[in-house]
Amino acid sequence: MSTARETTRTGEAFFRINRESSALLIIDMQNAFLEPGAMLETPMGREIIARLSGLITECRKMAVPVIWIRLDSSAPYGGLLLDKYPPLREQRVLFKGTHSYELFSDLPAPLEDEFHVVKHKYDAFHRTDLDTLLRNISADTVIITGVTTNCCCESTARSAFEHDYKVAFTSDGTAAFETRLHEAALGTIRELFGRVLTVDEVIRELGDSPDK
């Protein structure tokens, strides 16, 4: 008898990305994570900017909705996050209205008609309007990008799967503090929650999508 792991659908056998029903999620690409010397600096995050910028450009060309997601840890919304990492509270890191909260300037600027979601926890679905937004734009697939792979990106991917969204998780469009954490998260997503693709593979599948 075959085990569940042996019969798990992976890759294109699970799903293919369709530009008519996908949305690009850009998670936490904020100064707190990307500026040199920032408290939560993720150096590998700067390495994905060129690829992510290219993906944003291609999504715009193909009318794939772009959703900018930011973390606001300000009190009282930060909750236990502020207790676990006291310097966030002490230095007002990722507090809405501060420099650390703003999007990193090396990224393409959001367009006027693009969407924004503010979250207060790792999971972008938790007590936000992301689920409602995705359903209203008829998206059944989320393309996950941003930082950090093993924290907010993985948390959002897991939640997306629990909300019955197909998860296309970019291996080179996400970044973590350490390579081992990045690779471990990719393995978990691949095994349990979705597909793991390169940015180029995502662009190719979007481009190959059948027209309505």
N, C-alpha and C. Protein backbone atom coordinates (compact mmCIF):
# COMPACT_ATOMS: atom_id res chain seq x y z
N MET A 1 0.85 -1.19 0.00
CA MET A 1 0.00 0.00 0.00
C MET A 1 0.89 1.25 0.00
N SER A 2 0.55 2.22 -0.85
CA SER A 2 1.32 3.46 -0.91
C SER A 2 1.02 4.33 0.30
N THR A 3 2.04 5.02 0.76
CA THR A 3 1.84 5.96 1.87
C THR A 3 1.38 7.30 1.33
N ALA A 4 0.86 8.14 2.23
CA ALA A 4 0.40 9.47 1.82
C ALA A 4 1.55 10.26 1.21
N ARG A 5 2.74 10.13 1.81
CA ARG A 5 3.89 10.88 1.29
C ARG A 5 4.25 10.44 -0.12
N GLU A 6 4.10 9.15 -0.41
CA GLU A 6 4.46 8.63 -1.72
C GLU A 6 3.49 9.07 -2.80
N THR A 7 2.27 9.39 -2.43
CA THR A 7 1.26 9.77 -3.41
C THR A 7 0.93 11.26 -3.39
N THR A 8 1.70 12.04 -2.64
CA THR A 8 1.46 13.48 -2.58
C THR A 8 1.68 14.11 -3.95
N ARG A 9 0.76 14.95 -4.38
CA ARG A 9 0.93 15.66 -5.64
C ARG A 9 1.90 16.81 -5.45
N THR A 10 2.87 16.89 -6.34
CA THR A 10 3.85 17.96 -6.27
C THR A 10 3.95 18.64 -7.63
N GLY A 11 4.60 19.81 -7.64
CA GLY A 11 4.84 20.51 -8.89
C GLY A 11 3.58 20.77 -9.68
N GLU A 12 3.70 20.67 -11.00
CA GLU A 12 2.57 20.98 -11.87
C GLU A 12 1.44 19.98 -11.72
N ALA A 13 1.73 18.80 -11.18
CA ALA A 13 0.66 17.82 -10.95
C ALA A 13 -0.31 18.31 -9.88
N PHE A 14 0.16 19.21 -9.02
CA PHE A 14 -0.70 19.78 -7.97
C PHE A 14 -1.53 20.91 -8.56
N PHE A 15 -0.87 21.90 -9.13
CA PHE A 15 -1.57 22.99 -9.84
C PHE A 15 -0.57 23.75 -10.69
N ARG A 16 -1.10 24.45 -11.67
CA ARG A 16 -0.29 25.40 -12.44
C ARG A 16 -0.78 26.81 -12.12
N ILE A 17 0.12 27.76 -12.17
CA ILE A 17 -0.24 29.14 -11.88
C ILE A 17 -0.97 29.73 -13.08
N ASN A 18 -2.10 30.35 -12.81
CA ASN A 18 -2.89 31.01 -13.86
C ASN A 18 -2.95 32.50 -13.55
N ARG A 19 -2.55 33.32 -14.49
CA ARG A 19 -2.51 34.77 -14.23
C ARG A 19 -3.89 35.35 -13.98
N GLU A 20 -4.94 34.67 -14.46
CA GLU A 20 -6.30 35.19 -14.28
C GLU A 20 -6.80 35.02 -12.85
N SER A 21 -6.14 34.16 -12.07
CA SER A 21 -6.65 33.89 -10.72
C SER A 21 -5.55 33.91 -9.67
N SER A 22 -4.48 34.66 -9.95
CA SER A 22 -3.35 34.74 -9.02
C SER A 22 -3.17 36.15 -8.49
N ALA A 23 -2.50 36.25 -7.35
CA ALA A 23 -2.12 37.55 -6.78
C ALA A 23 -0.71 37.43 -6.23
N LEU A 24 0.06 38.50 -6.40
CA LEU A 24 1.43 38.55 -5.89
C LEU A 24 1.42 39.20 -4.51
N LEU A 25 1.93 38.48 -3.51
CA LEU A 25 2.05 39.01 -2.16
C LEU A 25 3.50 39.39 -1.91
N ILE A 26 3.74 40.64 -1.55
CA ILE A 26 5.08 41.13 -1.22
C ILE A 26 5.08 41.39 0.28
N ILE A 27 5.79 40.55 1.01
CA ILE A 27 5.67 40.51 2.46
C ILE A 27 6.86 41.18 3.16
N ASP A 28 6.57 42.22 3.92
CA ASP A 28 7.51 42.82 4.88
C ASP A 28 8.82 43.31 4.27
N MET A 29 8.79 43.81 3.05
CA MET A 29 10.00 44.36 2.45
C MET A 29 10.18 45.80 2.95
N GLN A 30 10.44 45.90 4.24
CA GLN A 30 10.48 47.17 4.96
C GLN A 30 11.90 47.50 5.41
N ASN A 31 12.10 48.78 5.73
CA ASN A 31 13.43 49.23 6.13
C ASN A 31 13.98 48.45 7.32
N ALA A 32 13.13 48.06 8.24
CA ALA A 32 13.59 47.34 9.44
C ALA A 32 14.31 46.05 9.10
N PHE A 33 13.98 45.46 7.94
CA PHE A 33 14.60 44.20 7.53
C PHE A 33 15.69 44.39 6.48
N LEU A 34 15.64 45.48 5.73
CA LEU A 34 16.49 45.57 4.54
C LEU A 34 17.58 46.63 4.61
N GLU A 35 17.44 47.63 5.44
CA GLU A 35 18.49 48.65 5.50
C GLU A 35 19.74 48.09 6.19
N PRO A 36 20.92 48.38 5.65
CA PRO A 36 22.15 47.96 6.34
C PRO A 36 22.19 48.52 7.76
N GLY A 37 22.46 47.65 8.71
CA GLY A 37 22.55 48.08 10.10
C GLY A 37 21.23 48.13 10.84
N ALA A 38 20.13 47.84 10.15
CA ALA A 38 18.82 47.85 10.82
C ALA A 38 18.75 46.74 11.86
N MET A 39 17.89 46.93 12.86
CA MET A 39 17.81 45.97 13.96
C MET A 39 17.52 44.55 13.47
N LEU A 40 16.65 44.42 12.49
CA LEU A 40 16.24 43.12 11.98
C LEU A 40 16.85 42.84 10.60
N GLU A 41 18.00 43.44 10.35
CA GLU A 41 18.60 43.34 9.02
C GLU A 41 18.70 41.90 8.54
N THR A 42 18.21 41.69 7.34
CA THR A 42 18.27 40.40 6.67
C THR A 42 19.07 40.61 5.39
N PRO A 43 20.40 40.49 5.44
CA PRO A 43 21.22 40.82 4.28
C PRO A 43 20.80 40.11 3.00
N MET A 44 20.38 38.85 3.12
CA MET A 44 19.94 38.11 1.93
C MET A 44 18.69 38.74 1.32
N GLY A 45 17.97 39.53 2.10
CA GLY A 45 16.79 40.20 1.57
C GLY A 45 17.14 41.20 0.48
N ARG A 46 18.29 41.84 0.61
CA ARG A 46 18.70 42.80 -0.43
C ARG A 46 19.07 42.07 -1.72
N GLU A 47 19.50 40.81 -1.58
CA GLU A 47 19.91 40.04 -2.76
C GLU A 47 18.74 39.64 -3.64
N ILE A 48 17.53 39.66 -3.12
CA ILE A 48 16.37 39.24 -3.91
C ILE A 48 15.68 40.42 -4.59
N ILE A 49 16.13 41.64 -4.33
CA ILE A 49 15.40 42.82 -4.80
C ILE A 49 15.34 42.88 -6.32
N ALA A 50 16.43 42.60 -7.01
CA ALA A 50 16.41 42.67 -8.47
C ALA A 50 15.42 41.67 -9.06
N ARG A 51 15.45 40.43 -8.54
CA ARG A 51 14.51 39.42 -9.04
C ARG A 51 13.08 39.79 -8.70
N LEU A 52 12.86 40.26 -7.48
CA LEU A 52 11.52 40.63 -7.07
C LEU A 52 11.00 41.81 -7.90
N SER A 53 11.87 42.76 -8.18
CA SER A 53 11.48 43.91 -9.01
C SER A 53 11.06 43.44 -10.40
N GLY A 54 11.79 42.46 -10.95
CA GLY A 54 11.42 41.92 -12.25
C GLY A 54 10.08 41.22 -12.21
N LEU A 55 9.81 40.50 -11.13
CA LEU A 55 8.53 39.81 -10.99
C LEU A 55 7.39 40.82 -10.86
N ILE A 56 7.61 41.88 -10.11
CA ILE A 56 6.59 42.93 -9.99
C ILE A 56 6.28 43.51 -11.36
N THR A 57 7.32 43.80 -12.13
CA THR A 57 7.13 44.37 -13.47
C THR A 57 6.32 43.44 -14.35
N GLU A 58 6.65 42.15 -14.33
CA GLU A 58 5.93 41.19 -15.17
C GLU A 58 4.48 41.03 -14.71
N CYS A 59 4.25 41.02 -13.41
CA CYS A 59 2.87 40.92 -12.92
C CYS A 59 2.05 42.13 -13.35
N ARG A 60 2.66 43.29 -13.31
CA ARG A 60 1.95 44.49 -13.76
C ARG A 60 1.60 44.40 -15.24
N LYS A 61 2.52 43.90 -16.04
CA LYS A 61 2.26 43.76 -17.48
C LYS A 61 1.10 42.81 -17.74
N MET A 62 1.00 41.77 -16.91
CA MET A 62 -0.03 40.74 -17.12
C MET A 62 -1.28 40.96 -16.28
N ALA A 63 -1.37 42.13 -15.65
CA ALA A 63 -2.55 42.50 -14.84
C ALA A 63 -2.77 41.54 -13.68
N VAL A 64 -1.69 40.99 -13.13
CA VAL A 64 -1.78 40.19 -11.91
C VAL A 64 -1.78 41.14 -10.72
N PRO A 65 -2.77 41.10 -9.86
CA PRO A 65 -2.83 42.03 -8.73
C PRO A 65 -1.59 41.92 -7.83
N VAL A 66 -1.11 43.08 -7.40
CA VAL A 66 0.04 43.16 -6.51
C VAL A 66 -0.44 43.65 -5.15
N ILE A 67 -0.10 42.91 -4.10
CA ILE A 67 -0.54 43.25 -2.75
C ILE A 67 0.69 43.45 -1.87
N TRP A 68 0.84 44.66 -1.35
CA TRP A 68 1.96 45.02 -0.48
C TRP A 68 1.54 44.80 0.97
N ILE A 69 2.29 43.97 1.67
CA ILE A 69 1.95 43.61 3.05
C ILE A 69 3.04 44.12 3.98
N ARG A 70 2.63 44.83 5.03
CA ARG A 70 3.60 45.36 5.99
C ARG A 70 3.23 44.95 7.40
N LEU A 71 4.27 44.78 8.22
CA LEU A 71 4.09 44.45 9.63
C LEU A 71 4.13 45.73 10.46
N ASP A 72 3.09 45.93 11.26
CA ASP A 72 3.03 47.03 12.23
C ASP A 72 3.02 46.40 13.62
N SER A 73 4.14 46.56 14.34
CA SER A 73 4.24 45.93 15.66
C SER A 73 3.94 46.89 16.80
N SER A 74 3.41 48.06 16.47
CA SER A 74 3.20 49.08 17.51
C SER A 74 2.21 48.61 18.56
N ALA A 75 2.41 49.09 19.78
CA ALA A 75 1.52 48.75 20.89
C ALA A 75 0.16 49.42 20.67
N PRO A 76 -0.93 48.75 21.05
CA PRO A 76 -0.97 47.44 21.71
C PRO A 76 -1.02 46.26 20.74
N TYR A 77 -1.01 46.55 19.44
CA TYR A 77 -1.24 45.48 18.46
C TYR A 77 -0.13 44.44 18.43
N GLY A 78 1.10 44.85 18.75
CA GLY A 78 2.22 43.92 18.69
C GLY A 78 2.11 42.77 19.67
N GLY A 79 1.42 43.00 20.79
CA GLY A 79 1.18 41.93 21.75
C GLY A 79 2.44 41.23 22.21
N LEU A 80 2.43 39.90 22.17
CA LEU A 80 3.55 39.10 22.65
C LEU A 80 4.83 39.32 21.85
N LEU A 81 4.69 39.76 20.61
CA LEU A 81 5.88 40.05 19.81
C LEU A 81 6.76 41.08 20.51
N LEU A 82 6.13 42.06 21.14
CA LEU A 82 6.88 43.10 21.85
C LEU A 82 7.46 42.58 23.16
N ASP A 83 6.83 41.57 23.74
CA ASP A 83 7.38 40.96 24.95
C ASP A 83 8.56 40.04 24.62
N LYS A 84 8.47 39.35 23.50
CA LYS A 84 9.55 38.44 23.10
C LYS A 84 10.78 39.22 22.65
N TYR A 85 10.55 40.36 21.98
CA TYR A 85 11.66 41.17 21.47
C TYR A 85 11.53 42.59 22.02
N PRO A 86 11.89 42.81 23.29
CA PRO A 86 11.72 44.12 23.92
C PRO A 86 12.31 45.30 23.15
N PRO A 87 13.45 45.14 22.44
CA PRO A 87 13.99 46.30 21.70
C PRO A 87 13.03 46.86 20.65
N LEU A 88 12.12 46.04 20.15
CA LEU A 88 11.13 46.56 19.20
C LEU A 88 10.30 47.66 19.83
N ARG A 89 9.90 47.42 21.08
CA ARG A 89 9.11 48.42 21.81
C ARG A 89 10.00 49.61 22.20
N GLU A 90 11.18 49.30 22.72
CA GLU A 90 12.06 50.36 23.23
C GLU A 90 12.49 51.32 22.14
N GLN A 91 12.73 50.81 20.93
CA GLN A 91 13.21 51.64 19.84
C GLN A 91 12.13 51.90 18.78
N ARG A 92 10.91 51.48 19.07
CA ARG A 92 9.77 51.72 18.17
C ARG A 92 10.06 51.19 16.75
N VAL A 93 10.59 49.99 16.71
CA VAL A 93 10.89 49.37 15.42
C VAL A 93 9.62 48.74 14.85
N LEU A 94 9.39 49.00 13.57
CA LEU A 94 8.19 48.52 12.88
C LEU A 94 6.92 49.10 13.47
N PHE A 95 7.02 50.27 14.02
CA PHE A 95 5.83 51.00 14.46
C PHE A 95 5.35 51.84 13.28
N LYS A 96 4.07 51.74 12.98
CA LYS A 96 3.52 52.50 11.86
C LYS A 96 3.81 53.98 12.03
N GLY A 97 4.28 54.60 10.96
CA GLY A 97 4.62 56.02 11.01
C GLY A 97 6.10 56.27 11.19
N THR A 98 6.87 55.22 11.51
CA THR A 98 8.32 55.37 11.67
C THR A 98 9.03 54.97 10.39
N HIS A 99 10.30 55.37 10.28
CA HIS A 99 11.10 55.04 9.10
C HIS A 99 11.24 53.53 8.94
N SER A 100 11.39 52.82 10.04
CA SER A 100 11.58 51.37 9.97
C SER A 100 10.38 50.64 9.36
N TYR A 101 9.23 51.25 9.46
CA TYR A 101 7.99 50.64 8.95
C TYR A 101 7.86 50.78 7.43
N GLU A 102 8.49 51.79 6.85
CA GLU A 102 8.29 52.10 5.44
C GLU A 102 8.93 51.06 4.53
N LEU A 103 8.41 50.97 3.30
CA LEU A 103 8.97 50.05 2.31
C LEU A 103 10.38 50.49 1.93
N PHE A 104 11.25 49.52 1.69
CA PHE A 104 12.63 49.80 1.31
C PHE A 104 12.65 50.49 -0.05
N SER A 105 13.41 51.55 -0.16
CA SER A 105 13.32 52.44 -1.33
C SER A 105 13.90 51.84 -2.60
N ASP A 106 14.69 50.76 -2.51
CA ASP A 106 15.23 50.15 -3.73
C ASP A 106 14.19 49.34 -4.49
N LEU A 107 13.06 49.10 -3.88
CA LEU A 107 11.96 48.41 -4.55
C LEU A 107 11.22 49.36 -5.48
N PRO A 108 10.54 48.84 -6.50
CA PRO A 108 9.65 49.70 -7.29
C PRO A 108 8.58 50.28 -6.37
N ALA A 109 8.24 51.52 -6.58
CA ALA A 109 7.19 52.14 -5.76
C ALA A 109 5.84 51.53 -6.10
N PRO A 110 5.00 51.30 -5.09
CA PRO A 110 3.65 50.79 -5.37
C PRO A 110 2.88 51.73 -6.29
N LEU A 111 2.09 51.16 -7.17
CA LEU A 111 1.22 51.96 -8.03
C LEU A 111 -0.05 52.33 -7.28
N GLU A 112 -0.70 53.36 -7.77
CA GLU A 112 -1.87 53.89 -7.06
C GLU A 112 -2.98 52.87 -6.93
N ASP A 113 -3.11 51.98 -7.92
CA ASP A 113 -4.23 51.02 -7.89
C ASP A 113 -3.84 49.68 -7.26
N GLU A 114 -2.66 49.59 -6.66
CA GLU A 114 -2.26 48.36 -6.00
C GLU A 114 -2.74 48.33 -4.56
N PHE A 115 -2.77 47.15 -3.99
CA PHE A 115 -3.40 46.95 -2.69
C PHE A 115 -2.37 46.93 -1.56
N HIS A 116 -2.83 47.32 -0.37
CA HIS A 116 -1.98 47.33 0.82
C HIS A 116 -2.72 46.63 1.96
N VAL A 117 -1.99 45.79 2.68
CA VAL A 117 -2.52 45.12 3.86
C VAL A 117 -1.55 45.35 5.01
N VAL A 118 -2.07 45.77 6.15
CA VAL A 118 -1.25 45.95 7.35
C VAL A 118 -1.58 44.80 8.30
N LYS A 119 -0.55 44.10 8.73
CA LYS A 119 -0.74 43.00 9.67
C LYS A 119 0.00 43.32 10.97
N HIS A 120 -0.41 42.64 12.03
CA HIS A 120 0.22 42.86 13.33
C HIS A 120 0.87 41.58 13.86
N LYS A 121 0.72 40.50 13.13
CA LYS A 121 1.30 39.21 13.49
C LYS A 121 2.07 38.68 12.29
N TYR A 122 2.71 37.52 12.46
CA TYR A 122 3.47 36.95 11.36
C TYR A 122 2.57 36.60 10.17
N ASP A 123 1.41 36.05 10.45
CA ASP A 123 0.47 35.57 9.44
C ASP A 123 -0.33 36.74 8.86
N ALA A 124 -0.22 36.95 7.55
CA ALA A 124 -0.90 38.09 6.92
C ALA A 124 -2.41 37.91 6.84
N PHE A 125 -2.92 36.72 7.14
CA PHE A 125 -4.36 36.51 7.16
C PHE A 125 -4.96 36.79 8.53
N HIS A 126 -4.15 36.81 9.57
CA HIS A 126 -4.66 36.90 10.93
C HIS A 126 -5.25 38.29 11.20
N ARG A 127 -6.57 38.33 11.34
CA ARG A 127 -7.30 39.56 11.67
C ARG A 127 -6.99 40.71 10.70
N THR A 128 -6.83 40.36 9.42
CA THR A 128 -6.71 41.38 8.37
C THR A 128 -7.81 41.13 7.35
N ASP A 129 -7.86 41.97 6.33
CA ASP A 129 -8.86 41.80 5.28
C ASP A 129 -8.27 41.10 4.05
N LEU A 130 -7.13 40.41 4.22
CA LEU A 130 -6.49 39.77 3.07
C LEU A 130 -7.38 38.72 2.42
N ASP A 131 -8.01 37.88 3.21
CA ASP A 131 -8.88 36.84 2.65
C ASP A 131 -10.03 37.46 1.87
N THR A 132 -10.66 38.47 2.44
CA THR A 132 -11.77 39.15 1.75
C THR A 132 -11.28 39.79 0.45
N LEU A 133 -10.13 40.43 0.51
CA LEU A 133 -9.56 41.06 -0.68
C LEU A 133 -9.32 40.03 -1.78
N LEU A 134 -8.67 38.93 -1.45
CA LEU A 134 -8.37 37.92 -2.45
C LEU A 134 -9.64 37.36 -3.08
N ARG A 135 -10.66 37.13 -2.28
CA ARG A 135 -11.90 36.59 -2.83
C ARG A 135 -12.60 37.62 -3.71
N ASN A 136 -12.51 38.88 -3.34
CA ASN A 136 -13.16 39.92 -4.14
C ASN A 136 -12.47 40.16 -5.48
N ILE A 137 -11.19 39.82 -5.58
CA ILE A 137 -10.50 39.95 -6.87
C ILE A 137 -10.40 38.60 -7.58
N SER A 138 -11.14 37.62 -7.06
CA SER A 138 -11.24 36.28 -7.68
C SER A 138 -9.89 35.58 -7.79
N ALA A 139 -9.07 35.74 -6.76
CA ALA A 139 -7.78 35.06 -6.73
C ALA A 139 -7.89 33.77 -5.93
N ASP A 140 -7.40 32.67 -6.51
CA ASP A 140 -7.37 31.41 -5.77
C ASP A 140 -5.93 30.92 -5.56
N THR A 141 -4.97 31.71 -6.02
CA THR A 141 -3.56 31.36 -5.92
C THR A 141 -2.78 32.56 -5.42
N VAL A 142 -1.88 32.34 -4.45
CA VAL A 142 -1.03 33.42 -3.96
C VAL A 142 0.42 33.09 -4.27
N ILE A 143 1.13 34.08 -4.79
CA ILE A 143 2.56 33.97 -5.06
C ILE A 143 3.27 34.65 -3.90
N ILE A 144 4.03 33.89 -3.14
CA ILE A 144 4.63 34.39 -1.91
C ILE A 144 6.05 34.88 -2.16
N THR A 145 6.31 36.14 -1.78
CA THR A 145 7.64 36.72 -1.87
C THR A 145 7.90 37.55 -0.61
N GLY A 146 9.18 37.89 -0.36
CA GLY A 146 9.49 38.80 0.73
C GLY A 146 10.36 38.19 1.81
N VAL A 147 10.25 38.75 3.00
CA VAL A 147 11.06 38.32 4.15
C VAL A 147 10.15 38.16 5.38
N THR A 148 10.54 37.31 6.31
CA THR A 148 11.57 36.32 6.13
C THR A 148 10.93 34.99 5.77
N THR A 149 11.70 34.18 5.05
CA THR A 149 11.18 32.92 4.52
C THR A 149 10.50 32.08 5.59
N ASN A 150 11.21 31.90 6.70
CA ASN A 150 10.76 30.94 7.72
C ASN A 150 9.83 31.54 8.76
N CYS A 151 9.57 32.83 8.67
CA CYS A 151 8.69 33.46 9.65
C CYS A 151 7.41 33.96 8.98
N CYS A 152 7.38 35.20 8.56
CA CYS A 152 6.13 35.75 8.04
C CYS A 152 5.73 35.15 6.70
N CYS A 153 6.72 34.82 5.85
CA CYS A 153 6.37 34.21 4.56
C CYS A 153 5.80 32.81 4.76
N GLU A 154 6.48 32.01 5.57
CA GLU A 154 5.98 30.66 5.83
C GLU A 154 4.66 30.68 6.59
N SER A 155 4.54 31.56 7.58
CA SER A 155 3.29 31.65 8.34
C SER A 155 2.12 32.00 7.43
N THR A 156 2.35 32.93 6.51
CA THR A 156 1.30 33.34 5.58
C THR A 156 0.98 32.22 4.60
N ALA A 157 2.00 31.50 4.14
CA ALA A 157 1.78 30.39 3.22
C ALA A 157 0.96 29.28 3.88
N ARG A 158 1.29 28.95 5.12
CA ARG A 158 0.53 27.93 5.84
C ARG A 158 -0.94 28.36 5.97
N SER A 159 -1.15 29.61 6.34
CA SER A 159 -2.51 30.11 6.52
C SER A 159 -3.26 30.15 5.20
N ALA A 160 -2.56 30.52 4.13
CA ALA A 160 -3.19 30.53 2.81
C ALA A 160 -3.72 29.14 2.45
N PHE A 161 -2.91 28.13 2.69
CA PHE A 161 -3.33 26.75 2.42
C PHE A 161 -4.54 26.38 3.27
N GLU A 162 -4.54 26.78 4.53
CA GLU A 162 -5.68 26.50 5.41
C GLU A 162 -6.94 27.23 4.95
N HIS A 163 -6.76 28.35 4.23
CA HIS A 163 -7.89 29.08 3.66
C HIS A 163 -8.23 28.58 2.25
N ASP A 164 -7.60 27.49 1.83
CA ASP A 164 -7.83 26.87 0.52
C ASP A 164 -7.33 27.70 -0.65
N TYR A 165 -6.24 28.41 -0.46
CA TYR A 165 -5.55 29.06 -1.57
C TYR A 165 -4.38 28.19 -2.01
N LYS A 166 -4.16 28.15 -3.30
CA LYS A 166 -2.97 27.48 -3.83
C LYS A 166 -1.77 28.37 -3.55
N VAL A 167 -0.70 27.77 -3.08
CA VAL A 167 0.48 28.52 -2.66
C VAL A 167 1.63 28.27 -3.63
N ALA A 168 2.08 29.34 -4.29
CA ALA A 168 3.28 29.32 -5.13
C ALA A 168 4.34 30.12 -4.38
N PHE A 169 5.27 29.42 -3.77
CA PHE A 169 6.26 30.03 -2.87
C PHE A 169 7.57 30.17 -3.62
N THR A 170 8.08 31.39 -3.73
CA THR A 170 9.29 31.61 -4.51
C THR A 170 10.54 31.29 -3.69
N SER A 171 11.40 30.44 -4.25
CA SER A 171 12.62 30.05 -3.55
C SER A 171 13.68 31.14 -3.59
N ASP A 172 13.70 31.93 -4.66
CA ASP A 172 14.69 33.00 -4.79
C ASP A 172 14.05 34.38 -4.77
N GLY A 173 12.80 34.43 -4.33
CA GLY A 173 12.10 35.70 -4.14
C GLY A 173 11.74 35.90 -2.68
N THR A 174 12.30 35.03 -1.83
CA THR A 174 12.16 35.14 -0.38
C THR A 174 13.56 35.03 0.23
N ALA A 175 13.70 35.49 1.47
CA ALA A 175 15.01 35.44 2.12
C ALA A 175 14.84 35.34 3.63
N ALA A 176 15.84 34.73 4.27
CA ALA A 176 15.83 34.56 5.73
C ALA A 176 17.14 35.07 6.31
N PHE A 177 17.22 35.05 7.64
CA PHE A 177 18.44 35.48 8.32
C PHE A 177 19.60 34.54 8.03
N GLU A 178 19.29 33.25 7.86
CA GLU A 178 20.32 32.24 7.62
C GLU A 178 19.85 31.29 6.52
N THR A 179 20.80 30.79 5.75
CA THR A 179 20.48 29.87 4.67
C THR A 179 19.78 28.61 5.18
N ARG A 180 20.22 28.09 6.33
CA ARG A 180 19.62 26.85 6.85
C ARG A 180 18.14 27.05 7.17
N LEU A 181 17.78 28.23 7.67
CA LEU A 181 16.38 28.51 7.98
C LEU A 181 15.57 28.63 6.69
N HIS A 182 16.16 29.27 5.70
CA HIS A 182 15.51 29.42 4.39
C HIS A 182 15.23 28.05 3.78
N GLU A 183 16.24 27.20 3.75
CA GLU A 183 16.09 25.89 3.12
C GLU A 183 15.10 25.00 3.88
N ALA A 184 15.13 25.08 5.20
CA ALA A 184 14.19 24.28 5.99
C ALA A 184 12.75 24.69 5.70
N ALA A 185 12.51 25.99 5.61
CA ALA A 185 11.16 26.47 5.32
C ALA A 185 10.70 26.03 3.94
N LEU A 186 11.59 26.11 2.96
CA LEU A 186 11.22 25.68 1.61
C LEU A 186 10.85 24.20 1.60
N GLY A 187 11.58 23.40 2.37
CA GLY A 187 11.26 21.98 2.45
C GLY A 187 9.89 21.73 3.04
N THR A 188 9.55 22.49 4.06
CA THR A 188 8.23 22.34 4.69
C THR A 188 7.11 22.73 3.74
N ILE A 189 7.29 23.85 3.04
CA ILE A 189 6.27 24.29 2.08
C ILE A 189 6.10 23.25 0.98
N ARG A 190 7.20 22.78 0.44
CA ARG A 190 7.16 21.81 -0.66
C ARG A 190 6.46 20.52 -0.22
N GLU A 191 6.72 20.11 0.99
CA GLU A 191 6.18 18.84 1.49
C GLU A 191 4.70 18.93 1.82
N LEU A 192 4.25 20.08 2.36
CA LEU A 192 2.93 20.12 2.98
C LEU A 192 1.97 21.19 2.47
N PHE A 193 2.47 22.30 1.94
CA PHE A 193 1.57 23.44 1.76
C PHE A 193 1.48 24.02 0.36
N GLY A 194 2.34 23.64 -0.56
CA GLY A 194 2.24 24.25 -1.87
C GLY A 194 3.37 23.85 -2.79
N ARG A 195 3.63 24.69 -3.75
CA ARG A 195 4.73 24.50 -4.68
C ARG A 195 5.84 25.49 -4.37
N VAL A 196 7.08 25.08 -4.60
CA VAL A 196 8.23 25.96 -4.48
C VAL A 196 8.81 26.15 -5.88
N LEU A 197 8.87 27.40 -6.31
CA LEU A 197 9.33 27.71 -7.66
C LEU A 197 10.32 28.86 -7.62
N THR A 198 11.16 28.96 -8.65
CA THR A 198 11.99 30.14 -8.81
C THR A 198 11.13 31.27 -9.38
N VAL A 199 11.62 32.48 -9.28
CA VAL A 199 10.91 33.62 -9.86
C VAL A 199 10.74 33.42 -11.36
N ASP A 200 11.76 32.95 -12.04
CA ASP A 200 11.66 32.72 -13.49
C ASP A 200 10.59 31.69 -13.82
N GLU A 201 10.47 30.66 -13.00
CA GLU A 201 9.43 29.65 -13.23
C GLU A 201 8.05 30.24 -13.03
N VAL A 202 7.90 31.10 -12.04
CA VAL A 202 6.61 31.77 -11.82
C VAL A 202 6.25 32.62 -13.03
N ILE A 203 7.20 33.41 -13.50
CA ILE A 203 6.94 34.28 -14.66
C ILE A 203 6.56 33.45 -15.88
N ARG A 204 7.25 32.34 -16.08
CA ARG A 204 6.97 31.50 -17.24
C ARG A 204 5.56 30.91 -17.16
N GLU A 205 5.15 30.43 -16.00
CA GLU A 205 3.80 29.87 -15.88
C GLU A 205 2.74 30.95 -16.01
N LEU A 206 3.00 32.12 -15.47
CA LEU A 206 2.04 33.22 -15.65
C LEU A 206 1.88 33.53 -17.13
N GLY A 207 3.00 33.58 -17.85
CA GLY A 207 2.95 33.90 -19.27
C GLY A 207 2.30 32.83 -20.11
N ASP A 208 2.40 31.57 -19.65
CA ASP A 208 1.82 30.46 -20.40
C ASP A 208 0.35 30.23 -20.08
N SER A 209 -0.21 31.02 -19.17
CA SER A 209 -1.61 30.83 -18.77
C SER A 209 -2.53 31.02 -19.97
N PRO A 210 -3.56 30.19 -20.07
CA PRO A 210 -4.53 30.38 -21.16
C PRO A 210 -5.34 31.65 -20.95
N ASP A 211 -5.66 32.32 -22.04
CA ASP A 211 -6.52 33.49 -21.95
C ASP A 211 -7.95 33.05 -21.68
N LYS A 212 -8.72 33.98 -21.11
CA LYS A 212 -10.13 33.66 -20.84
C LYS A 212 -10.87 33.41 -22.14
